[in-house]
Amino acid sequence: MLAGGLFKQVWKKLGHDEDAPDATDEDRTWQEVLLAATLQGAIFAGVKAAVDRAGAAGTRRLSGTWPG
């Protein structure tokens, strides 16, 4: 949910009033579709890494050992 909300905010700040396009949106350009997909992937990966890292750090604080 966090990544989805962050992506929507970033997409709007880039000057797009509409929702991000799907790959099958006929009225959107290749550039717009690929930009949205790349940006969305980067944001989701960044949020996932932050959550995973925070979880590992919390586990270390509680147990004294780094998971994995």
N, C-alpha and C. Protein backbone atom coordinates (compact mmCIF):
# COMPACT_ATOMS: atom_id res chain seq x y z
N MET A 1 0.83 -1.19 0.00
CA MET A 1 0.00 0.00 0.00
C MET A 1 0.87 1.26 0.00
N LEU A 2 1.93 1.22 0.81
CA LEU A 2 2.83 2.37 0.88
C LEU A 2 3.46 2.66 -0.47
N ALA A 3 3.95 1.62 -1.12
CA ALA A 3 4.59 1.80 -2.42
C ALA A 3 3.59 2.30 -3.47
N GLY A 4 2.38 1.78 -3.43
CA GLY A 4 1.35 2.21 -4.37
C GLY A 4 1.01 3.68 -4.20
N GLY A 5 0.86 4.10 -2.96
CA GLY A 5 0.57 5.51 -2.69
C GLY A 5 1.71 6.42 -3.08
N LEU A 6 2.93 5.99 -2.79
CA LEU A 6 4.10 6.77 -3.15
C LEU A 6 4.22 6.91 -4.67
N PHE A 7 3.98 5.81 -5.37
CA PHE A 7 4.03 5.86 -6.83
C PHE A 7 3.01 6.84 -7.39
N LYS A 8 1.79 6.82 -6.87
CA LYS A 8 0.75 7.74 -7.36
C LYS A 8 1.16 9.19 -7.15
N GLN A 9 1.76 9.48 -6.00
CA GLN A 9 2.21 10.85 -5.73
C GLN A 9 3.32 11.27 -6.69
N VAL A 10 4.27 10.39 -6.90
CA VAL A 10 5.38 10.70 -7.81
C VAL A 10 4.86 10.88 -9.23
N TRP A 11 3.95 10.02 -9.65
CA TRP A 11 3.39 10.11 -11.00
C TRP A 11 2.70 11.45 -11.20
N LYS A 12 1.96 11.91 -10.20
CA LYS A 12 1.28 13.20 -10.30
C LYS A 12 2.28 14.36 -10.31
N LYS A 13 3.35 14.25 -9.51
CA LYS A 13 4.36 15.30 -9.49
C LYS A 13 5.11 15.42 -10.81
N LEU A 14 5.14 14.34 -11.56
CA LEU A 14 5.77 14.38 -12.89
C LEU A 14 4.86 15.05 -13.92
N GLY A 15 3.69 15.49 -13.49
CA GLY A 15 2.81 16.24 -14.37
C GLY A 15 1.71 15.44 -15.03
N HIS A 16 1.46 14.25 -14.52
CA HIS A 16 0.41 13.42 -15.09
C HIS A 16 -0.83 13.50 -14.21
N ASP A 17 -1.91 14.00 -14.78
CA ASP A 17 -3.15 14.13 -14.02
C ASP A 17 -3.89 12.81 -13.91
N GLU A 18 -3.71 11.95 -14.89
CA GLU A 18 -4.43 10.68 -14.93
C GLU A 18 -3.67 9.61 -14.17
N ASP A 19 -4.34 8.49 -13.95
CA ASP A 19 -3.68 7.33 -13.36
C ASP A 19 -2.60 6.84 -14.31
N ALA A 20 -1.65 6.12 -13.77
CA ALA A 20 -0.59 5.56 -14.59
C ALA A 20 -1.18 4.57 -15.59
N PRO A 21 -0.60 4.51 -16.78
CA PRO A 21 -1.15 3.62 -17.81
C PRO A 21 -0.81 2.16 -17.58
N ASP A 22 -1.69 1.31 -18.04
CA ASP A 22 -1.41 -0.12 -18.10
C ASP A 22 -0.73 -0.38 -19.45
N ALA A 23 -0.07 -1.51 -19.54
CA ALA A 23 0.62 -1.86 -20.78
C ALA A 23 -0.34 -1.98 -21.96
N THR A 24 -1.59 -2.27 -21.69
CA THR A 24 -2.56 -2.47 -22.77
C THR A 24 -3.44 -1.25 -23.03
N ASP A 25 -3.12 -0.11 -22.40
CA ASP A 25 -3.88 1.11 -22.68
C ASP A 25 -3.56 1.61 -24.09
N GLU A 26 -4.51 1.49 -24.98
CA GLU A 26 -4.30 1.81 -26.39
C GLU A 26 -3.99 3.29 -26.63
N ASP A 27 -4.55 4.15 -25.78
CA ASP A 27 -4.41 5.59 -25.99
C ASP A 27 -3.14 6.18 -25.38
N ARG A 28 -2.31 5.36 -24.78
CA ARG A 28 -1.07 5.85 -24.17
C ARG A 28 0.12 5.50 -25.06
N THR A 29 1.16 6.31 -25.00
CA THR A 29 2.34 6.07 -25.83
C THR A 29 3.24 5.01 -25.19
N TRP A 30 4.13 4.45 -26.02
CA TRP A 30 5.12 3.49 -25.51
C TRP A 30 5.96 4.15 -24.42
N GLN A 31 6.38 5.37 -24.66
CA GLN A 31 7.23 6.09 -23.71
C GLN A 31 6.54 6.22 -22.35
N GLU A 32 5.28 6.60 -22.37
CA GLU A 32 4.54 6.79 -21.13
C GLU A 32 4.34 5.48 -20.38
N VAL A 33 4.02 4.41 -21.11
CA VAL A 33 3.81 3.10 -20.49
C VAL A 33 5.11 2.59 -19.87
N LEU A 34 6.21 2.68 -20.63
CA LEU A 34 7.49 2.18 -20.12
C LEU A 34 8.03 3.02 -18.97
N LEU A 35 7.83 4.32 -19.03
CA LEU A 35 8.25 5.18 -17.92
C LEU A 35 7.49 4.83 -16.65
N ALA A 36 6.19 4.66 -16.77
CA ALA A 36 5.37 4.31 -15.60
C ALA A 36 5.79 2.96 -15.02
N ALA A 37 6.02 1.98 -15.88
CA ALA A 37 6.40 0.64 -15.40
C ALA A 37 7.77 0.67 -14.72
N THR A 38 8.71 1.39 -15.30
CA THR A 38 10.05 1.49 -14.72
C THR A 38 10.02 2.20 -13.37
N LEU A 39 9.31 3.30 -13.32
CA LEU A 39 9.20 4.06 -12.08
C LEU A 39 8.50 3.26 -10.99
N GLN A 40 7.43 2.59 -11.37
CA GLN A 40 6.69 1.78 -10.40
C GLN A 40 7.56 0.64 -9.87
N GLY A 41 8.28 -0.02 -10.74
CA GLY A 41 9.17 -1.11 -10.32
C GLY A 41 10.25 -0.63 -9.37
N ALA A 42 10.84 0.52 -9.67
CA ALA A 42 11.89 1.06 -8.81
C ALA A 42 11.35 1.43 -7.43
N ILE A 43 10.19 2.03 -7.39
CA ILE A 43 9.60 2.42 -6.11
C ILE A 43 9.23 1.18 -5.29
N PHE A 44 8.61 0.20 -5.94
CA PHE A 44 8.24 -1.02 -5.21
C PHE A 44 9.47 -1.73 -4.68
N ALA A 45 10.53 -1.82 -5.48
CA ALA A 45 11.77 -2.47 -5.04
C ALA A 45 12.41 -1.71 -3.89
N GLY A 46 12.40 -0.40 -3.96
CA GLY A 46 12.97 0.41 -2.88
C GLY A 46 12.21 0.26 -1.58
N VAL A 47 10.91 0.28 -1.65
CA VAL A 47 10.09 0.10 -0.44
C VAL A 47 10.28 -1.30 0.14
N LYS A 48 10.32 -2.30 -0.72
CA LYS A 48 10.53 -3.68 -0.25
C LYS A 48 11.89 -3.80 0.44
N ALA A 49 12.92 -3.22 -0.14
CA ALA A 49 14.25 -3.28 0.46
C ALA A 49 14.27 -2.58 1.82
N ALA A 50 13.59 -1.45 1.92
CA ALA A 50 13.54 -0.72 3.19
C ALA A 50 12.82 -1.53 4.26
N VAL A 51 11.71 -2.15 3.89
CA VAL A 51 10.95 -2.97 4.85
C VAL A 51 11.76 -4.19 5.27
N ASP A 52 12.39 -4.87 4.30
CA ASP A 52 13.21 -6.03 4.62
C ASP A 52 14.38 -5.65 5.53
N ARG A 53 15.03 -4.55 5.22
CA ARG A 53 16.17 -4.11 6.03
C ARG A 53 15.73 -3.74 7.45
N ALA A 54 14.63 -3.04 7.57
CA ALA A 54 14.12 -2.67 8.89
C ALA A 54 13.75 -3.92 9.69
N GLY A 55 13.17 -4.90 9.02
CA GLY A 55 12.83 -6.16 9.71
C GLY A 55 14.07 -6.89 10.19
N ALA A 56 15.10 -6.92 9.37
CA ALA A 56 16.35 -7.58 9.76
C ALA A 56 17.01 -6.85 10.92
N ALA A 57 17.00 -5.53 10.88
CA ALA A 57 17.59 -4.75 11.98
C ALA A 57 16.80 -4.97 13.27
N GLY A 58 15.48 -5.03 13.17
CA GLY A 58 14.65 -5.30 14.35
C GLY A 58 14.90 -6.68 14.92
N THR A 59 15.06 -7.65 14.04
CA THR A 59 15.37 -9.02 14.49
C THR A 59 16.71 -9.04 15.23
N ARG A 60 17.69 -8.32 14.69
CA ARG A 60 19.00 -8.28 15.35
C ARG A 60 18.91 -7.61 16.73
N ARG A 61 18.13 -6.56 16.82
CA ARG A 61 17.97 -5.89 18.11
C ARG A 61 17.32 -6.81 19.14
N LEU A 62 16.34 -7.60 18.67
CA LEU A 62 15.63 -8.47 19.61
C LEU A 62 16.39 -9.76 19.94
N SER A 63 17.06 -10.34 18.95
CA SER A 63 17.69 -11.63 19.15
C SER A 63 19.21 -11.59 19.24
N GLY A 64 19.80 -10.50 18.79
CA GLY A 64 21.26 -10.41 18.81
C GLY A 64 21.94 -10.98 17.59
N THR A 65 21.17 -11.59 16.68
CA THR A 65 21.75 -12.14 15.48
C THR A 65 21.06 -11.59 14.23
N TRP A 66 21.84 -11.45 13.17
CA TRP A 66 21.30 -10.95 11.90
C TRP A 66 20.64 -12.12 11.17
N PRO A 67 19.42 -11.97 10.71
CA PRO A 67 18.74 -13.08 10.02
C PRO A 67 19.35 -13.34 8.65
N GLY A 68 19.24 -14.58 8.23
CA GLY A 68 19.66 -14.94 6.89
C GLY A 68 21.04 -15.38 6.84
